[in-house]
């Protein structure tokens, strides 16, 4: 049972990291660049339900502040690594998809 609770705390912290990513990167970049930024529409749609989910989970689970902050730190580090990796792979994957979509004669 304890392992399940720790796993859920890490999931909650990861969800918080993704929510912060939606707010801080996509929405603020959209305001800064005064134009469309990929991901801003899904960020706007999902940010309020994400905050509500985190609030409800906090009320149900009753974790200590130290546990939440530690889990959030780990989740933010993992999220930064994953998002950076995915952004670096976008060019390669785009070329791969374009190559696959070309009609062979």
N, C-alpha and C. Protein backbone atom coordinates (compact mmCIF):
# COMPACT_ATOMS: atom_id res chain seq x y z
N UNK A 1 0.83 -1.20 0.00
CA UNK A 1 0.00 0.00 0.00
C UNK A 1 0.87 1.25 0.00
N UNK A 2 1.96 1.24 0.77
CA UNK A 2 2.83 2.41 0.84
C UNK A 2 3.46 2.71 -0.51
N UNK A 3 3.84 1.69 -1.25
CA UNK A 3 4.40 1.88 -2.59
C UNK A 3 3.37 2.52 -3.51
N UNK A 4 2.12 2.11 -3.41
CA UNK A 4 1.06 2.68 -4.23
C UNK A 4 0.88 4.16 -3.92
N UNK A 5 0.94 4.52 -2.64
CA UNK A 5 0.78 5.92 -2.25
C UNK A 5 1.94 6.76 -2.78
N UNK A 6 3.18 6.26 -2.65
CA UNK A 6 4.34 6.99 -3.16
C UNK A 6 4.26 7.15 -4.66
N UNK A 7 3.80 6.11 -5.34
CA UNK A 7 3.65 6.17 -6.79
C UNK A 7 2.61 7.22 -7.17
N UNK A 8 1.51 7.27 -6.41
CA UNK A 8 0.49 8.26 -6.71
C UNK A 8 0.99 9.67 -6.46
N UNK A 9 1.82 9.86 -5.44
CA UNK A 9 2.40 11.17 -5.16
C UNK A 9 3.28 11.61 -6.32
N UNK A 10 4.07 10.70 -6.86
CA UNK A 10 4.92 11.04 -8.00
C UNK A 10 4.08 11.36 -9.23
N UNK A 11 2.98 10.63 -9.41
CA UNK A 11 2.08 10.92 -10.53
C UNK A 11 1.46 12.30 -10.37
N UNK A 12 1.05 12.62 -9.16
CA UNK A 12 0.47 13.93 -8.89
C UNK A 12 1.49 15.03 -9.15
N UNK A 13 2.70 14.82 -8.70
CA UNK A 13 3.76 15.80 -8.91
C UNK A 13 4.08 15.95 -10.40
N UNK A 14 4.07 14.86 -11.13
CA UNK A 14 4.30 14.93 -12.58
C UNK A 14 3.19 15.71 -13.26
N UNK A 15 1.98 15.49 -12.80
CA UNK A 15 0.83 16.22 -13.36
C UNK A 15 0.97 17.71 -13.07
N UNK A 16 1.46 18.04 -11.87
CA UNK A 16 1.70 19.45 -11.53
C UNK A 16 2.77 20.04 -12.44
N UNK A 17 3.82 19.28 -12.71
CA UNK A 17 4.89 19.77 -13.59
C UNK A 17 4.36 20.03 -15.00
N UNK A 18 3.51 19.15 -15.50
CA UNK A 18 2.93 19.35 -16.83
C UNK A 18 2.00 20.56 -16.83
N UNK A 19 1.24 20.74 -15.76
CA UNK A 19 0.35 21.90 -15.67
C UNK A 19 1.16 23.19 -15.65
N UNK A 20 2.23 23.22 -14.87
CA UNK A 20 3.09 24.40 -14.86
C UNK A 20 3.73 24.64 -16.23
N UNK A 21 4.08 23.58 -16.92
CA UNK A 21 4.63 23.69 -18.28
C UNK A 21 3.61 24.34 -19.21
N UNK A 22 2.34 23.92 -19.07
CA UNK A 22 1.29 24.51 -19.92
C UNK A 22 1.16 26.01 -19.65
N UNK A 23 1.18 26.37 -18.38
CA UNK A 23 0.99 27.79 -18.02
C UNK A 23 2.22 28.61 -18.36
N UNK A 24 3.37 28.18 -17.88
CA UNK A 24 4.58 28.99 -18.01
C UNK A 24 5.15 29.03 -19.41
N UNK A 25 5.10 27.93 -20.11
CA UNK A 25 5.71 27.93 -21.44
C UNK A 25 4.73 28.31 -22.54
N UNK A 26 3.69 27.52 -22.72
CA UNK A 26 2.81 27.75 -23.85
C UNK A 26 2.02 29.05 -23.75
N UNK A 27 1.40 29.29 -22.62
CA UNK A 27 0.56 30.49 -22.49
C UNK A 27 1.39 31.77 -22.44
N UNK A 28 2.44 31.77 -21.64
CA UNK A 28 3.26 32.99 -21.54
C UNK A 28 4.05 33.25 -22.82
N UNK A 29 4.47 32.20 -23.51
CA UNK A 29 5.15 32.41 -24.80
C UNK A 29 4.20 33.00 -25.83
N UNK A 30 2.95 32.59 -25.77
CA UNK A 30 1.95 33.13 -26.68
C UNK A 30 1.78 34.63 -26.46
N UNK A 31 1.75 35.05 -25.21
CA UNK A 31 1.64 36.48 -24.88
C UNK A 31 2.92 37.21 -25.28
N UNK A 32 4.05 36.61 -25.00
CA UNK A 32 5.34 37.26 -25.30
C UNK A 32 5.54 37.47 -26.81
N UNK A 33 5.24 36.44 -27.61
CA UNK A 33 5.46 36.53 -29.04
C UNK A 33 4.27 37.12 -29.79
N UNK A 34 3.18 37.38 -29.09
CA UNK A 34 1.97 37.98 -29.66
C UNK A 34 1.49 37.23 -30.90
N UNK A 35 1.46 35.93 -30.78
CA UNK A 35 0.99 35.08 -31.87
C UNK A 35 0.76 33.67 -31.38
N UNK A 36 0.45 32.80 -32.31
CA UNK A 36 0.15 31.41 -31.97
C UNK A 36 1.42 30.66 -31.61
N UNK A 37 1.35 29.90 -30.55
CA UNK A 37 2.43 29.01 -30.13
C UNK A 37 1.83 27.61 -30.09
N UNK A 38 2.47 26.61 -30.73
CA UNK A 38 1.91 25.26 -30.70
C UNK A 38 1.66 24.79 -29.26
N UNK A 39 0.49 24.25 -29.04
CA UNK A 39 0.14 23.74 -27.72
C UNK A 39 -0.67 24.70 -26.89
N UNK A 40 -0.82 25.95 -27.34
CA UNK A 40 -1.53 26.93 -26.52
C UNK A 40 -3.02 26.63 -26.41
N UNK A 41 -3.62 26.12 -27.45
CA UNK A 41 -5.06 25.82 -27.42
C UNK A 41 -5.34 24.68 -26.43
N UNK A 42 -4.57 23.61 -26.50
CA UNK A 42 -4.77 22.52 -25.54
C UNK A 42 -4.42 22.97 -24.13
N UNK A 43 -3.46 23.86 -23.98
CA UNK A 43 -3.13 24.38 -22.65
C UNK A 43 -4.28 25.16 -22.06
N UNK A 44 -4.90 26.00 -22.86
CA UNK A 44 -6.04 26.79 -22.39
C UNK A 44 -7.19 25.87 -22.00
N UNK A 45 -7.43 24.84 -22.80
CA UNK A 45 -8.53 23.92 -22.53
C UNK A 45 -8.28 23.10 -21.26
N UNK A 46 -7.06 22.66 -21.05
CA UNK A 46 -6.77 21.72 -19.97
C UNK A 46 -6.25 22.34 -18.68
N UNK A 47 -5.92 23.62 -18.64
CA UNK A 47 -5.31 24.18 -17.44
C UNK A 47 -6.29 24.23 -16.26
N UNK A 48 -7.52 24.64 -16.47
CA UNK A 48 -8.48 24.71 -15.36
C UNK A 48 -8.86 23.32 -14.82
N UNK A 49 -9.17 22.34 -15.70
CA UNK A 49 -9.40 21.00 -15.16
C UNK A 49 -8.17 20.43 -14.44
N UNK A 50 -6.98 20.77 -14.91
CA UNK A 50 -5.76 20.28 -14.27
C UNK A 50 -5.62 20.85 -12.86
N UNK A 51 -5.86 22.13 -12.71
CA UNK A 51 -5.78 22.76 -11.40
C UNK A 51 -6.84 22.17 -10.47
N UNK A 52 -8.04 21.97 -10.98
CA UNK A 52 -9.12 21.39 -10.17
C UNK A 52 -8.74 19.98 -9.71
N UNK A 53 -8.18 19.17 -10.61
CA UNK A 53 -7.77 17.81 -10.26
C UNK A 53 -6.70 17.83 -9.16
N UNK A 54 -5.72 18.71 -9.29
CA UNK A 54 -4.67 18.79 -8.28
C UNK A 54 -5.24 19.23 -6.93
N UNK A 55 -6.16 20.18 -6.94
CA UNK A 55 -6.79 20.64 -5.70
C UNK A 55 -7.57 19.51 -5.02
N UNK A 56 -8.36 18.78 -5.80
CA UNK A 56 -9.14 17.67 -5.24
C UNK A 56 -8.23 16.56 -4.71
N UNK A 57 -7.17 16.24 -5.43
CA UNK A 57 -6.24 15.20 -4.98
C UNK A 57 -5.58 15.61 -3.67
N UNK A 58 -5.26 16.88 -3.53
CA UNK A 58 -4.66 17.36 -2.28
C UNK A 58 -5.62 17.20 -1.11
N UNK A 59 -6.88 17.49 -1.32
CA UNK A 59 -7.89 17.37 -0.26
C UNK A 59 -8.11 15.92 0.16
N UNK A 60 -8.01 15.00 -0.77
CA UNK A 60 -8.27 13.59 -0.49
C UNK A 60 -7.07 12.90 0.15
N UNK A 61 -5.85 13.20 -0.31
CA UNK A 61 -4.68 12.41 0.07
C UNK A 61 -3.93 12.88 1.31
N UNK A 62 -3.96 14.17 1.63
CA UNK A 62 -3.33 14.72 2.84
C UNK A 62 -1.83 14.40 2.96
N UNK A 63 -1.05 14.80 1.98
CA UNK A 63 0.40 14.64 2.05
C UNK A 63 1.02 15.80 2.81
N UNK A 64 2.22 15.60 3.33
CA UNK A 64 2.93 16.70 3.98
C UNK A 64 3.51 17.61 2.89
N UNK A 65 3.77 18.84 3.28
CA UNK A 65 4.31 19.81 2.33
C UNK A 65 5.67 19.37 1.82
N UNK A 66 6.50 18.83 2.69
CA UNK A 66 7.83 18.36 2.28
C UNK A 66 7.76 17.25 1.25
N UNK A 67 6.82 16.32 1.43
CA UNK A 67 6.66 15.21 0.47
C UNK A 67 6.23 15.74 -0.89
N UNK A 68 5.30 16.68 -0.90
CA UNK A 68 4.81 17.23 -2.15
C UNK A 68 5.91 18.01 -2.87
N UNK A 69 6.65 18.83 -2.13
CA UNK A 69 7.72 19.62 -2.76
C UNK A 69 8.83 18.74 -3.30
N UNK A 70 9.20 17.70 -2.56
CA UNK A 70 10.24 16.78 -3.04
C UNK A 70 9.77 16.05 -4.30
N UNK A 71 8.54 15.56 -4.28
CA UNK A 71 8.00 14.86 -5.45
C UNK A 71 7.88 15.81 -6.64
N UNK A 72 7.50 17.06 -6.38
CA UNK A 72 7.40 18.04 -7.46
C UNK A 72 8.76 18.34 -8.06
N UNK A 73 9.78 18.43 -7.22
CA UNK A 73 11.13 18.67 -7.72
C UNK A 73 11.57 17.54 -8.64
N UNK A 74 11.36 16.32 -8.22
CA UNK A 74 11.71 15.17 -9.05
C UNK A 74 10.91 15.18 -10.35
N UNK A 75 9.61 15.46 -10.23
CA UNK A 75 8.75 15.47 -11.42
C UNK A 75 9.14 16.57 -12.39
N UNK A 76 9.48 17.74 -11.87
CA UNK A 76 9.89 18.84 -12.75
C UNK A 76 11.18 18.48 -13.48
N UNK A 77 12.13 17.88 -12.79
CA UNK A 77 13.38 17.47 -13.44
C UNK A 77 13.10 16.44 -14.53
N UNK A 78 12.28 15.43 -14.23
CA UNK A 78 11.94 14.42 -15.23
C UNK A 78 11.18 15.03 -16.41
N UNK A 79 10.26 15.94 -16.11
CA UNK A 79 9.48 16.57 -17.17
C UNK A 79 10.38 17.41 -18.08
N UNK A 80 11.31 18.15 -17.51
CA UNK A 80 12.23 18.95 -18.32
C UNK A 80 13.06 18.05 -19.23
N UNK A 81 13.54 16.94 -18.70
CA UNK A 81 14.32 16.00 -19.51
C UNK A 81 13.48 15.43 -20.65
N UNK A 82 12.27 15.00 -20.33
CA UNK A 82 11.40 14.40 -21.34
C UNK A 82 11.00 15.41 -22.40
N UNK A 83 10.58 16.60 -21.98
CA UNK A 83 10.14 17.62 -22.95
C UNK A 83 11.30 18.08 -23.81
N UNK A 84 12.48 18.26 -23.22
CA UNK A 84 13.65 18.65 -24.00
C UNK A 84 13.99 17.58 -25.04
N UNK A 85 13.94 16.33 -24.64
CA UNK A 85 14.21 15.23 -25.56
C UNK A 85 13.19 15.22 -26.71
N UNK A 86 11.92 15.37 -26.38
CA UNK A 86 10.89 15.37 -27.43
C UNK A 86 11.05 16.56 -28.37
N UNK A 87 11.38 17.74 -27.84
CA UNK A 87 11.58 18.90 -28.70
C UNK A 87 12.80 18.71 -29.59
N UNK A 88 13.84 18.06 -29.09
CA UNK A 88 15.02 17.79 -29.91
C UNK A 88 14.74 16.75 -30.99
N UNK A 89 13.81 15.84 -30.74
CA UNK A 89 13.47 14.81 -31.72
C UNK A 89 12.48 15.29 -32.77
N UNK A 90 11.88 16.46 -32.58
CA UNK A 90 10.85 16.92 -33.51
C UNK A 90 11.35 17.03 -34.95
N UNK A 91 12.54 17.58 -35.14
CA UNK A 91 13.07 17.72 -36.49
C UNK A 91 13.28 16.37 -37.17
N UNK A 92 13.88 15.45 -36.45
CA UNK A 92 14.12 14.12 -36.99
C UNK A 92 12.80 13.41 -37.31
N UNK A 93 11.86 13.48 -36.37
CA UNK A 93 10.57 12.81 -36.59
C UNK A 93 9.79 13.46 -37.72
N UNK A 94 9.91 14.78 -37.85
CA UNK A 94 9.24 15.49 -38.94
C UNK A 94 9.78 15.02 -40.30
N UNK A 95 11.10 14.90 -40.41
CA UNK A 95 11.70 14.40 -41.65
C UNK A 95 11.29 12.96 -41.93
N UNK A 96 11.24 12.16 -40.90
CA UNK A 96 10.84 10.76 -41.04
C UNK A 96 9.39 10.66 -41.53
N UNK A 97 8.51 11.45 -40.96
CA UNK A 97 7.10 11.44 -41.37
C UNK A 97 6.96 11.97 -42.79
N UNK A 98 7.70 13.03 -43.14
CA UNK A 98 7.65 13.56 -44.50
C UNK A 98 8.15 12.52 -45.50
N UNK A 99 9.24 11.85 -45.18
CA UNK A 99 9.77 10.82 -46.06
C UNK A 99 8.77 9.69 -46.23
N UNK A 100 8.12 9.30 -45.15
CA UNK A 100 7.13 8.23 -45.21
C UNK A 100 5.90 8.64 -46.03
N UNK A 101 5.56 9.94 -45.99
CA UNK A 101 4.35 10.39 -46.68
C UNK A 101 4.55 10.62 -48.18
N UNK A 102 5.80 10.67 -48.64
CA UNK A 102 6.05 10.88 -50.06
C UNK A 102 5.55 9.69 -50.87
N UNK A 103 4.99 10.01 -52.04
CA UNK A 103 4.49 8.98 -52.91
C UNK A 103 5.65 8.39 -53.71
N UNK A 104 5.79 7.07 -53.66
CA UNK A 104 6.88 6.43 -54.41
C UNK A 104 6.37 6.09 -55.81
N UNK A 105 7.23 6.36 -56.80
CA UNK A 105 6.85 6.09 -58.18
C UNK A 105 7.54 4.87 -58.70
